[in-house]
Structure formats: C-alpha cells, structure tokens
Amino acid sequence: MLSLYAEETSAQAVRFFSETVQKDLSNQIQKALKRAGLPPQERKTNPIPRWTLKRLVQWVQQQWEIDCCRETVRKTLRGMGFSWKKAKKLLNKASKAKRDEFIDKITKLLEEALHQRQLLIYIDEAHIHLDTDEGYGWSIEGERFWLSSSSPGRKKVSFYGVYVYNQAQTRIFPYEKAEKINTIDVLKKLRVEFPEEQITVVWDGAPYHRAKLVTEAASAMDIHLLPLPAAEAKPLSRLAATAPLALRPDFMPVEHLWQWLRSDLTDHICYDSQQELIHAVSVFQNQINSTPVALSDHLWVKKHLEPEEEKLRVSK
C-alpha cells in the first residue's frame, strides 16, 4: 500500500507542472550537474550555489509564476528520475599517462599475488578523533536527535591501516602521529610477520613516505615501494615544495577501510580516552578479519580506469 501510495503521489506531483515546466526544471538540474563536474581550472564564470528545494521553489515562482511547496518539487524531481544524494569528490589533477602506467604495474602485481609470487600490501593512514561524528540515523519525527559528547576536543589517534591483499586481512596499528620513524616501525612489523616473502607496498605520496630515511629503511628490509600516481603540481614556493602531493584515493582500498571503521566506530559514538578508541579499533580489526570474503568485497581494488571519470580530470 505504501509503495502504491508513493507512486500515486509522485505521479500527481509530476502532473502539477506542465511538460514545458518539467523540461525547464530538468535542464536546470542537468546544467548544475555539468557545472559541478567542471574543473575549477577551466571555469570561466562565477560559481553558482547548488540547487536545493528551497531555491527551486523560488525559481519556479520567479520563472513561471507558480506557487508550490518543497514537497511538490521533490516529488516532481523523483518522478522525473532525479534523487537527492551525497556528492563524491573527484580529485581532478591527474596525468593520464601516469595513471595508465600505474594500472599496468598494479595489474601485473595482482597477477603475481594471485599465484603467491608476490605479497601485495596497501598502506594508508587516518587520524581518528575521539569525538563523535554526527552522521545520519533514524530518530523520532519532530524530536531532536541528541548525541552525548564528553568534549574530548581535538584529541585523536593516528592509525596505520594495512591491507594484505593476498590474505584478505588487515592490520591497524595505533600511533601518536604518522611520521618517518613510526612508518619505518610499521615496515619492520610487516617484515617480521612475513620474513621470507617478496613484499611490495603500495601507498600515497605523503612526505614521510617519500623521506630518504624511510626509502632507505625499506630498501634495507628488501621491501619494494610503489607510490600511487600523484597530481601534476608545480610548487609555487619553497613552502609548497614540502607540501604533500595530491593523493589518488581511488587506487587505495584502505580508504574503504576507514569509511567502514568510521561508520561502525565513530558515527554517533564518542570516546573518553585514546585507549578506549584503540581497544574498539582492535576489536573491529578482529571482527572483520574473521570474514575474509566480506572483507575483500569491502576493500575492493581498482584495476581499470573509468573513461567517463577520466574525462573530468585535468592534465597540464
């Protein structure tokens, strides 16, 4: 009954506007989507605020002299095939040649890992704060949804997330901060755990990953490092030259691990101490490692480029 009612009310809302108005409304949304996907480097006009229901109601009134409510516009858009969703950021600075080269390398490494000739390990860091992430959740209509916080401020724990691709297993190591010495310590832990394996570590271009001390330590431990392709960025100053290169999270499966962890551990949950958070992460690690098939589904590895996405990137 509910679905039939939803379909009926949606159809009524669509009929509220003529085909001409609907077409104009659709064009406005399509233009906004195109503007949002346009690289700022190529933008020739001032940015325009996104379309919200409130703005669309005002636009319909001004453009077509039709008075309506937000719900009518919402149902009309739904009936026309549009939906309200969270946008996904796309880092547009990229070299197509470097990304193609990386895909070739990672494809070969994945093939070697499949035949157990290579241990392929992805590493990424995340700084998890003790305070709660608000997020969305079900609540009682008309009542405020309260989340209790002990006001831990900016207290956080830096975690090194490790994904052992061959085994579909993770290791999550807590540290006070992510830096050179701690990065070397993580590599040492991996070499101790896998003393005889040929190891390739894939990670981003963070400064402590590129530090001479780290690369020399990795070489001494016979660990091969494969950095993700970074953006083509020419530093404008000595200060900019030491700044982190733009990262390529679309090639990093550990990014999915952090999304999973935050969804399970920090959405609507505040921690009173760092040790409490570290313990929760340890329990989380054991839980997800107990189901390797589900874990590998969550931490999927990108093996090819999406042509439509690549069109939105800029190479200079």
Protein backbone atom coordinates (compact mmCIF):
# COMPACT_ATOMS: atom_id res chain seq x y z
CA MET A 1 0.00 0.00 0.00
CA LEU A 2 2.81 2.39 0.89
CA SER A 3 4.63 1.89 -2.41
CA LEU A 4 1.41 2.31 -4.39
CA TYR A 5 0.65 5.50 -2.50
CA ALA A 6 4.18 6.81 -3.12
CA GLU A 7 3.85 6.12 -6.84
CA GLU A 8 0.45 7.81 -6.95
CA THR A 9 1.53 10.95 -5.10
CA SER A 10 4.68 11.19 -7.20
CA ALA A 11 2.63 11.00 -10.38
CA GLN A 12 0.28 13.69 -9.05
CA ALA A 13 3.25 15.95 -8.33
CA VAL A 14 4.64 15.48 -11.83
CA ARG A 15 1.24 16.35 -13.31
CA PHE A 16 1.21 19.53 -11.20
CA PHE A 17 3.69 21.04 -13.69
CA SER A 18 3.26 21.17 -17.44
CA GLU A 19 5.70 19.32 -19.69
CA THR A 20 7.34 22.64 -20.55
CA VAL A 21 8.00 23.45 -16.89
CA GLN A 22 9.26 19.92 -16.23
CA LYS A 23 11.64 20.16 -19.19
CA ASP A 24 12.96 23.50 -17.96
CA LEU A 25 13.35 22.10 -14.45
CA SER A 26 15.26 19.10 -15.80
CA ASN A 27 17.54 21.38 -17.83
CA GLN A 28 18.40 23.40 -14.72
CA ILE A 29 19.40 20.26 -12.80
CA GLN A 30 21.39 18.90 -15.75
CA LYS A 31 23.27 22.19 -16.14
CA ALA A 32 24.06 22.19 -12.41
CA LEU A 33 25.45 18.66 -12.63
CA LYS A 34 27.63 19.68 -15.57
CA ARG A 35 28.89 22.75 -13.67
CA ALA A 36 29.70 20.66 -10.61
CA GLY A 37 31.81 18.28 -12.71
CA LEU A 38 33.67 21.09 -14.46
CA PRO A 39 37.25 21.52 -13.18
CA PRO A 40 37.67 24.87 -11.38
CA GLN A 41 40.78 25.44 -13.51
CA GLU A 42 38.53 25.62 -16.58
CA ARG A 43 35.66 27.59 -15.06
CA LYS A 44 35.08 30.89 -16.88
CA THR A 45 32.11 32.20 -14.86
CA ASN A 46 31.45 32.74 -11.18
CA PRO A 47 30.27 29.61 -9.30
CA ILE A 48 26.54 29.28 -8.68
CA PRO A 49 25.04 27.84 -5.45
CA ARG A 50 23.69 24.30 -5.71
CA TRP A 51 20.00 23.69 -6.29
CA THR A 52 18.11 22.98 -3.06
CA LEU A 53 14.37 22.50 -2.78
CA LYS A 54 14.06 25.99 -1.29
CA ARG A 55 15.90 27.57 -4.22
CA LEU A 56 13.93 25.52 -6.76
CA VAL A 57 10.62 26.64 -5.24
CA GLN A 58 11.77 30.25 -5.55
CA TRP A 59 12.97 29.64 -9.12
CA VAL A 60 9.62 28.11 -10.17
CA GLN A 61 7.78 31.08 -8.67
CA GLN A 62 10.04 33.66 -10.35
CA GLN A 63 10.43 31.88 -13.71
CA TRP A 64 6.90 30.50 -14.17
CA GLU A 65 4.83 32.42 -11.59
CA ILE A 66 3.72 29.15 -10.00
CA ASP A 67 3.31 28.90 -6.24
CA CYS A 68 4.14 25.45 -4.87
CA CYS A 69 5.69 23.80 -1.83
CA ARG A 70 9.02 21.96 -1.49
CA GLU A 71 7.30 18.57 -1.34
CA THR A 72 5.71 19.15 -4.74
CA VAL A 73 9.11 19.94 -6.25
CA ARG A 74 10.70 16.93 -4.51
CA LYS A 75 8.07 14.51 -5.80
CA THR A 76 8.29 16.04 -9.26
CA LEU A 77 12.04 15.54 -9.38
CA ARG A 78 11.71 11.96 -8.11
CA GLY A 79 9.10 11.26 -10.76
CA MET A 80 11.47 12.63 -13.41
CA GLY A 81 14.26 10.27 -12.35
CA PHE A 82 16.30 12.54 -10.07
CA SER A 83 17.31 11.72 -6.49
CA TRP A 84 18.90 13.65 -3.61
CA LYS A 85 22.30 12.07 -2.92
CA LYS A 86 25.64 12.88 -1.37
CA ALA A 87 28.17 14.00 -3.96
CA LYS A 88 31.52 12.27 -4.30
CA LYS A 89 34.63 14.40 -4.66
CA LEU A 90 36.85 13.67 -7.64
CA LEU A 91 40.46 14.90 -7.45
CA ASN A 92 40.83 16.27 -10.94
CA LYS A 93 44.59 16.94 -11.18
CA ALA A 94 46.00 13.83 -12.81
CA SER A 95 48.28 12.62 -15.53
CA LYS A 96 46.52 10.15 -17.79
CA ALA A 97 49.89 8.65 -18.77
CA LYS A 98 50.91 8.15 -15.13
CA ARG A 99 47.56 6.61 -14.24
CA ASP A 100 47.76 4.23 -17.21
CA GLU A 101 51.30 3.31 -16.20
CA PHE A 102 50.17 2.60 -12.63
CA ILE A 103 47.31 0.40 -13.85
CA ASP A 104 49.80 -1.65 -15.90
CA LYS A 105 52.06 -2.09 -12.86
CA ILE A 106 49.30 -2.96 -10.42
CA THR A 107 47.71 -5.42 -12.87
CA LYS A 108 50.98 -7.34 -13.06
CA LEU A 109 51.41 -7.26 -9.29
CA LEU A 110 47.86 -8.53 -8.74
CA GLU A 111 48.57 -11.41 -11.12
CA GLU A 112 51.75 -12.27 -9.20
CA ALA A 113 49.87 -12.03 -5.90
CA LEU A 114 47.20 -14.36 -7.26
CA HIS A 115 49.88 -17.01 -7.86
CA GLN A 116 51.55 -16.24 -4.50
CA ARG A 117 54.75 -14.99 -6.14
CA GLN A 118 54.38 -11.58 -4.50
CA LEU A 119 52.93 -10.26 -1.24
CA LEU A 120 50.97 -7.15 -2.16
CA ILE A 121 50.32 -4.77 0.74
CA TYR A 122 48.45 -1.46 0.73
CA ILE A 123 49.17 1.07 3.50
CA ASP A 124 47.31 4.27 4.34
CA GLU A 125 46.97 6.45 7.44
CA ALA A 126 43.95 8.01 9.13
CA HIS A 127 43.63 10.36 12.07
CA ILE A 128 40.57 9.27 14.06
CA HIS A 129 39.24 11.78 16.57
CA LEU A 130 37.73 10.74 19.87
CA ASP A 131 34.70 12.97 19.48
CA THR A 132 31.58 11.66 17.77
CA ASP A 133 30.75 12.03 14.10
CA GLU A 134 27.15 13.20 13.82
CA GLY A 135 26.13 11.40 10.64
CA TYR A 136 22.61 10.33 9.76
CA GLY A 137 20.43 7.95 11.77
CA TRP A 138 16.82 7.06 12.48
CA SER A 139 15.09 9.18 15.11
CA ILE A 140 11.62 10.14 16.24
CA GLU A 141 9.94 12.62 13.93
CA GLY A 142 9.57 16.05 15.48
CA GLU A 143 12.16 15.42 18.21
CA ARG A 144 15.82 16.42 18.27
CA PHE A 145 18.36 13.61 17.91
CA TRP A 146 20.92 14.13 20.69
CA LEU A 147 24.42 12.61 20.73
CA SER A 148 26.32 12.68 24.01
CA SER A 149 29.91 14.00 23.89
CA SER A 150 32.45 14.35 26.70
CA SER A 151 34.11 17.17 24.70
CA PRO A 152 37.46 15.50 24.02
CA GLY A 153 38.27 18.36 21.67
CA ARG A 154 40.90 17.66 19.02
CA LYS A 155 42.26 14.52 20.70
CA LYS A 156 42.91 11.80 18.15
CA VAL A 157 44.83 8.63 17.39
CA SER A 158 46.77 8.18 14.17
CA PHE A 159 46.29 4.72 12.70
CA TYR A 160 48.29 2.96 10.02
CA GLY A 161 45.89 0.79 8.04
CA VAL A 162 47.47 -2.23 6.32
CA TYR A 163 45.66 -4.41 3.80
CA VAL A 164 47.41 -7.69 2.98
CA TYR A 165 45.80 -8.32 -0.38
CA ASN A 166 46.88 -11.98 -0.76
CA GLN A 167 45.30 -12.97 2.55
CA ALA A 168 42.35 -10.55 2.61
CA GLN A 169 43.46 -9.47 6.09
CA THR A 170 44.04 -6.13 7.76
CA ARG A 171 46.40 -4.77 10.40
CA ILE A 172 45.56 -1.48 12.10
CA PHE A 173 48.46 -0.04 14.11
CA PRO A 174 47.90 2.90 16.51
CA TYR A 175 50.47 5.66 16.93
CA GLU A 176 50.61 9.13 18.40
CA LYS A 177 51.17 10.54 14.92
CA ALA A 178 52.05 9.48 11.39
CA GLU A 179 55.70 10.28 10.68
CA LYS A 180 59.00 8.79 9.46
CA ILE A 181 60.04 6.73 12.49
CA ASN A 182 56.58 5.24 13.00
CA THR A 183 56.35 4.46 9.28
CA ILE A 184 59.63 2.52 9.48
CA ASP A 185 58.28 0.72 12.56
CA VAL A 186 55.24 -0.44 10.56
CA LEU A 187 57.51 -1.76 7.78
CA LYS A 188 59.58 -3.62 10.38
CA LYS A 189 56.45 -5.26 11.77
CA LEU A 190 55.49 -6.44 8.30
CA ARG A 191 58.96 -7.83 7.60
CA VAL A 192 58.94 -9.69 10.93
CA GLU A 193 55.50 -11.15 10.19
CA PHE A 194 56.47 -12.10 6.62
CA PRO A 195 60.24 -12.79 6.81
CA GLU A 196 60.57 -14.77 3.56
CA GLU A 197 58.03 -13.07 1.32
CA GLN A 198 58.78 -10.73 -1.56
CA ILE A 199 56.85 -7.65 -0.45
CA THR A 200 55.56 -4.72 -2.47
CA VAL A 201 53.97 -1.86 -0.51
CA VAL A 202 51.56 0.47 -2.29
CA TRP A 203 50.99 3.83 -0.63
CA ASP A 204 50.46 7.51 -1.36
CA GLY A 205 52.89 10.41 -1.66
CA ALA A 206 52.80 11.62 1.95
CA PRO A 207 56.07 13.39 2.91
CA TYR A 208 57.02 10.73 5.45
CA HIS A 209 56.55 8.04 2.78
CA ARG A 210 58.95 9.85 0.46
CA ALA A 211 61.52 10.64 3.17
CA LYS A 212 65.03 9.37 2.42
CA LEU A 213 65.20 7.69 5.85
CA VAL A 214 62.07 5.66 5.04
CA THR A 215 63.04 4.66 1.50
CA GLU A 216 66.49 3.57 2.67
CA ALA A 217 64.97 1.52 5.52
CA ALA A 218 62.54 -0.14 3.10
CA SER A 219 65.40 -1.00 0.75
CA ALA A 220 67.42 -2.47 3.63
CA MET A 221 64.43 -4.68 4.54
CA ASP A 222 64.04 -5.70 0.88
CA ILE A 223 60.59 -4.11 0.64
CA HIS A 224 59.70 -2.64 -2.74
CA LEU A 225 57.72 0.62 -2.63
CA LEU A 226 55.14 1.54 -5.27
CA PRO A 227 53.75 5.08 -4.79
CA LEU A 228 50.34 5.95 -6.15
CA PRO A 229 50.38 8.33 -9.12
CA ALA A 230 50.32 11.87 -7.79
CA ALA A 231 48.90 15.01 -9.30
CA GLU A 232 51.00 17.11 -11.61
CA ALA A 233 51.60 20.01 -9.28
CA LYS A 234 54.36 22.57 -9.74
CA PRO A 235 55.28 24.13 -6.35
CA LEU A 236 54.93 27.89 -6.27
CA SER A 237 57.31 28.37 -3.35
CA ARG A 238 59.80 26.59 -1.11
CA LEU A 239 56.98 26.07 1.39
CA ALA A 240 54.76 24.50 -1.29
CA ALA A 241 57.64 22.25 -2.35
CA THR A 242 57.49 20.48 1.02
CA ALA A 243 53.69 20.12 1.00
CA PRO A 244 52.12 16.69 0.37
CA LEU A 245 51.42 15.85 -3.24
CA ALA A 246 47.78 15.41 -4.17
CA LEU A 247 46.77 11.84 -3.45
CA ARG A 248 44.92 9.30 -5.54
CA PRO A 249 42.46 7.67 -3.10
CA ASP A 250 40.61 5.92 -5.95
CA PHE A 251 43.54 3.47 -6.15
CA MET A 252 43.74 2.96 -2.38
CA PRO A 253 41.47 0.20 -0.95
CA VAL A 254 42.38 1.18 2.63
CA GLU A 255 40.22 4.28 2.09
CA HIS A 256 37.25 1.88 2.16
CA LEU A 257 38.58 0.50 5.46
CA TRP A 258 38.48 3.97 7.02
CA GLN A 259 34.93 4.55 5.79
CA TRP A 260 33.92 1.18 7.26
CA LEU A 261 35.67 1.91 10.56
CA ARG A 262 34.13 5.35 10.95
CA SER A 263 30.67 4.02 10.14
CA ASP A 264 30.98 1.30 12.79
CA LEU A 265 33.02 3.07 15.47
CA THR A 266 32.71 6.86 15.37
CA ASP A 267 29.28 7.63 13.91
CA HIS A 268 27.17 8.55 16.97
CA ILE A 269 29.91 7.34 19.37
CA CYS A 270 32.26 9.49 21.49
CA TYR A 271 35.32 8.05 23.25
CA ASP A 272 36.50 9.38 26.58
CA SER A 273 40.12 8.22 26.18
CA GLN A 274 42.54 7.23 23.45
CA GLN A 275 42.90 3.75 24.94
CA GLU A 276 39.14 3.23 24.67
CA LEU A 277 39.28 4.11 20.97
CA ILE A 278 42.34 1.90 20.38
CA HIS A 279 40.58 -1.04 22.04
CA ALA A 280 37.47 -0.53 19.91
CA VAL A 281 39.61 -0.49 16.76
CA SER A 282 41.35 -3.70 17.85
CA VAL A 283 38.00 -5.45 18.32
CA PHE A 284 36.86 -4.11 14.94
CA GLN A 285 40.01 -5.47 13.26
CA ASN A 286 39.46 -8.95 14.71
CA GLN A 287 35.82 -8.94 13.63
CA ILE A 288 36.44 -8.01 10.00
CA ASN A 289 39.42 -10.36 9.70
CA SER A 290 37.16 -13.26 10.69
CA THR A 291 35.24 -12.89 7.43
CA PRO A 292 37.89 -12.53 4.69
CA VAL A 293 35.42 -12.83 1.81
CA ALA A 294 33.31 -9.95 3.11
CA LEU A 295 36.48 -8.00 3.86
CA SER A 296 37.82 -8.37 0.31
CA ASP A 297 34.43 -7.23 -1.01
CA HIS A 298 34.62 -4.09 1.12
CA LEU A 299 38.26 -3.35 0.29
CA TRP A 300 37.94 -3.81 -3.46
CA VAL A 301 40.95 -2.91 -5.57
CA LYS A 302 40.62 -0.66 -8.62
CA LYS A 303 42.10 -2.41 -11.66
CA HIS A 304 40.99 -0.18 -14.53
CA LEU A 305 40.17 3.41 -15.37
CA GLU A 306 36.62 4.65 -15.93
CA PRO A 307 36.53 6.63 -19.21
CA GLU A 308 33.73 8.94 -18.02
CA GLU A 309 35.65 9.77 -14.83
CA GLU A 310 38.89 10.39 -16.69
CA LYS A 311 37.15 12.99 -18.86
CA LEU A 312 36.64 15.08 -15.71
CA ARG A 313 40.35 15.13 -14.86
CA VAL A 314 42.86 17.76 -15.90
CA SER A 315 46.41 17.05 -17.05
CA LYS A 316 48.75 20.00 -17.53
